[in-house]
Structure formats: structure tokens, C-alpha cells
C-alpha atoms as a PDB file:
ATOM      1  CA  UNK A   1     -14.164  12.757  10.782  1.00  0.00           C
ATOM      2  CA  UNK A   2     -12.203  15.980  10.602  1.00  0.00           C
ATOM      3  CA  UNK A   3     -13.928  19.339  10.810  1.00  0.00           C
ATOM      4  CA  UNK A   4     -12.797  22.937  11.021  1.00  0.00           C
ATOM      5  CA  UNK A   5     -13.514  24.857  14.215  1.00  0.00           C
ATOM      6  CA  UNK A   6     -13.825  28.483  13.089  1.00  0.00           C
ATOM      7  CA  UNK A   7     -13.570  30.957  15.961  1.00  0.00           C
ATOM      8  CA  UNK A   8     -11.604  33.955  17.189  1.00  0.00           C
ATOM      9  CA  UNK A   9      -8.204  33.055  18.608  1.00  0.00           C
ATOM     10  CA  UNK A  10      -8.035  33.248  22.384  1.00  0.00           C
ATOM     11  CA  UNK A  11      -6.022  31.749  25.215  1.00  0.00           C
ATOM     12  CA  UNK A  12      -7.031  28.159  25.939  1.00  0.00           C
ATOM     13  CA  UNK A  13      -8.505  27.465  22.498  1.00  0.00           C
ATOM     14  CA  UNK A  14      -6.585  24.195  22.138  1.00  0.00           C
ATOM     15  CA  UNK A  15      -7.982  22.935  25.464  1.00  0.00           C
ATOM     16  CA  UNK A  16     -11.470  23.908  24.301  1.00  0.00           C
ATOM     17  CA  UNK A  17     -10.999  21.935  21.067  1.00  0.00           C
ATOM     18  CA  UNK A  18      -9.829  18.841  22.928  1.00  0.00           C
ATOM     19  CA  UNK A  19     -12.908  19.106  25.187  1.00  0.00           C
ATOM     20  CA  UNK A  20     -15.226  19.305  22.184  1.00  0.00           C
ATOM     21  CA  UNK A  21     -13.481  16.331  20.577  1.00  0.00           C
ATOM     22  CA  UNK A  22     -13.945  14.306  23.768  1.00  0.00           C
ATOM     23  CA  UNK A  23     -17.708  14.657  23.414  1.00  0.00           C
ATOM     24  CA  UNK A  24     -17.661  12.696  20.149  1.00  0.00           C
ATOM     25  CA  UNK A  25     -15.820   9.436  19.472  1.00  0.00           C
ATOM     26  CA  UNK A  26     -14.811  10.065  15.861  1.00  0.00           C
ATOM     27  CA  UNK A  27     -14.103  13.790  15.635  1.00  0.00           C
ATOM     28  CA  UNK A  28     -10.921  15.739  15.035  1.00  0.00           C
ATOM     29  CA  UNK A  29     -11.179  19.540  15.044  1.00  0.00           C
ATOM     30  CA  UNK A  30      -8.718  21.778  13.234  1.00  0.00           C
ATOM     31  CA  UNK A  31      -8.689  25.376  14.472  1.00  0.00           C
ATOM     32  CA  UNK A  32      -8.952  28.275  12.017  1.00  0.00           C
ATOM     33  CA  UNK A  33      -8.848  31.835  13.353  1.00  0.00           C
ATOM     34  CA  UNK A  34     -11.994  33.639  12.198  1.00  0.00           C
ATOM     35  CA  UNK A  35     -10.427  37.082  12.602  1.00  0.00           C
ATOM     36  CA  UNK A  36      -8.356  36.700   9.421  1.00  0.00           C
ATOM     37  CA  UNK A  37      -9.262  37.823   5.927  1.00  0.00           C
ATOM     38  CA  UNK A  38     -11.802  35.581   4.183  1.00  0.00           C
ATOM     39  CA  UNK A  39      -9.181  34.487   1.651  1.00  0.00           C
ATOM     40  CA  UNK A  40      -6.900  33.275   4.473  1.00  0.00           C
ATOM     41  CA  UNK A  41      -9.788  31.517   6.253  1.00  0.00           C
ATOM     42  CA  UNK A  42     -10.831  29.805   3.003  1.00  0.00           C
ATOM     43  CA  UNK A  43      -7.279  28.660   2.298  1.00  0.00           C
ATOM     44  CA  UNK A  44      -6.965  27.172   5.785  1.00  0.00           C
ATOM     45  CA  UNK A  45     -10.365  25.488   5.599  1.00  0.00           C
ATOM     46  CA  UNK A  46      -9.302  23.796   2.368  1.00  0.00           C
ATOM     47  CA  UNK A  47     -11.559  20.930   1.345  1.00  0.00           C
ATOM     48  CA  UNK A  48     -13.284  20.427   4.699  1.00  0.00           C
ATOM     49  CA  UNK A  49     -16.884  19.264   4.423  1.00  0.00           C
ATOM     50  CA  UNK A  50     -17.785  20.529   7.933  1.00  0.00           C
ATOM     51  CA  UNK A  51     -17.259  23.817   9.758  1.00  0.00           C
ATOM     52  CA  UNK A  52     -18.207  24.294  13.397  1.00  0.00           C
ATOM     53  CA  UNK A  53     -18.491  27.998  14.211  1.00  0.00           C
ATOM     54  CA  UNK A  54     -17.620  29.239  17.679  1.00  0.00           C
ATOM     55  CA  UNK A  55     -18.841  32.777  18.297  1.00  0.00           C
ATOM     56  CA  UNK A  56     -20.367  35.051  15.701  1.00  0.00           C
ATOM     57  CA  UNK A  57     -18.985  34.895  12.168  1.00  0.00           C
ATOM     58  CA  UNK A  58     -20.848  37.146   9.788  1.00  0.00           C
ATOM     59  CA  UNK A  59     -19.189  36.065   6.530  1.00  0.00           C
ATOM     60  CA  UNK A  60     -20.395  32.455   6.277  1.00  0.00           C
ATOM     61  CA  UNK A  61     -22.197  32.859   2.958  1.00  0.00           C
ATOM     62  CA  UNK A  62     -19.201  34.555   1.362  1.00  0.00           C
ATOM     63  CA  UNK A  63     -16.828  31.949   2.837  1.00  0.00           C
ATOM     64  CA  UNK A  64     -19.004  29.086   1.574  1.00  0.00           C
ATOM     65  CA  UNK A  65     -18.628  30.388  -1.987  1.00  0.00           C
ATOM     66  CA  UNK A  66     -14.902  29.557  -1.709  1.00  0.00           C
ATOM     67  CA  UNK A  67     -15.405  26.046  -0.284  1.00  0.00           C
ATOM     68  CA  UNK A  68     -16.959  23.693  -2.863  1.00  0.00           C
ATOM     69  CA  UNK A  69     -16.594  20.627  -0.602  1.00  0.00           C
ATOM     70  CA  UNK A  70     -18.472  22.275   2.298  1.00  0.00           C
ATOM     71  CA  UNK A  71     -21.644  20.365   3.201  1.00  0.00           C
ATOM     72  CA  UNK A  72     -22.448  21.385   6.796  1.00  0.00           C
ATOM     73  CA  UNK A  73     -22.053  24.474   8.960  1.00  0.00           C
ATOM     74  CA  UNK A  74     -22.874  24.003  12.626  1.00  0.00           C
ATOM     75  CA  UNK A  75     -23.111  26.968  14.977  1.00  0.00           C
ATOM     76  CA  UNK A  76     -23.490  27.096  18.722  1.00  0.00           C
ATOM     77  CA  UNK A  77     -25.421  30.353  18.432  1.00  0.00           C
ATOM     78  CA  UNK A  78     -28.191  29.290  16.047  1.00  0.00           C
ATOM     79  CA  UNK A  79     -31.449  30.893  17.046  1.00  0.00           C
ATOM     80  CA  UNK A  80     -29.931  33.338  19.504  1.00  0.00           C
ATOM     81  CA  UNK A  81     -29.487  37.053  19.271  1.00  0.00           C
ATOM     82  CA  UNK A  82     -26.204  38.803  19.709  1.00  0.00           C
ATOM     83  CA  UNK A  83     -26.432  41.884  21.909  1.00  0.00           C
ATOM     84  CA  UNK A  84     -24.255  43.634  19.349  1.00  0.00           C
ATOM     85  CA  UNK A  85     -26.872  43.224  16.599  1.00  0.00           C
ATOM     86  CA  UNK A  86     -30.108  43.283  18.578  1.00  0.00           C
ATOM     87  CA  UNK A  87     -30.610  47.000  17.900  1.00  0.00           C
ATOM     88  CA  UNK A  88     -30.328  46.330  14.142  1.00  0.00           C
ATOM     89  CA  UNK A  89     -33.264  43.909  14.357  1.00  0.00           C
ATOM     90  CA  UNK A  90     -35.647  46.433  15.909  1.00  0.00           C
END
């Protein structure tokens, strides 16, 4: 299965992707830089059915509107609070 790994670009990202792929036997991750415009992210995601989000990406709902084949979004941060937005929740 191929999925998009949506995260900010940083040094070592390719090594991180290969590590994540090694945890699953049938997974290929394609990196898309989340710091681009939504239109660029959507174009690079293409017809992927799965996006794995690394870090905080606050435009998921808007992005999903552009991806009719999208079926699953997995985040590593589900259920956690970002320090950046904690004050907004109070």
C-alpha cells in the first residue's frame, strides 16, 4: 500500500520515512511537504487513499475537500494538545 506522509520538511526526513516503512511489511510512504500551499499539497497527494500526518497540520478538512479518493487520515498527535494552541482551548 502507498500512503502520503504529510509533514514539514526537515533534515533526515527520508531516513524517518524508511524507518516508518520498516515497521509495516506492505507500506510505501511518499513525502509531501506540509508547509506548501493547500493547492500544491493536494496536487502532490493526488489520488492517495491514505495520509499519515507528522506534526500539526491545521488544514486537513480543507485539504480533504480536494482529495475525493481519500479514505483515511492517521495522525501521531491524535488526542494530544499542542503547546501552541493550549491557550486557545482555555
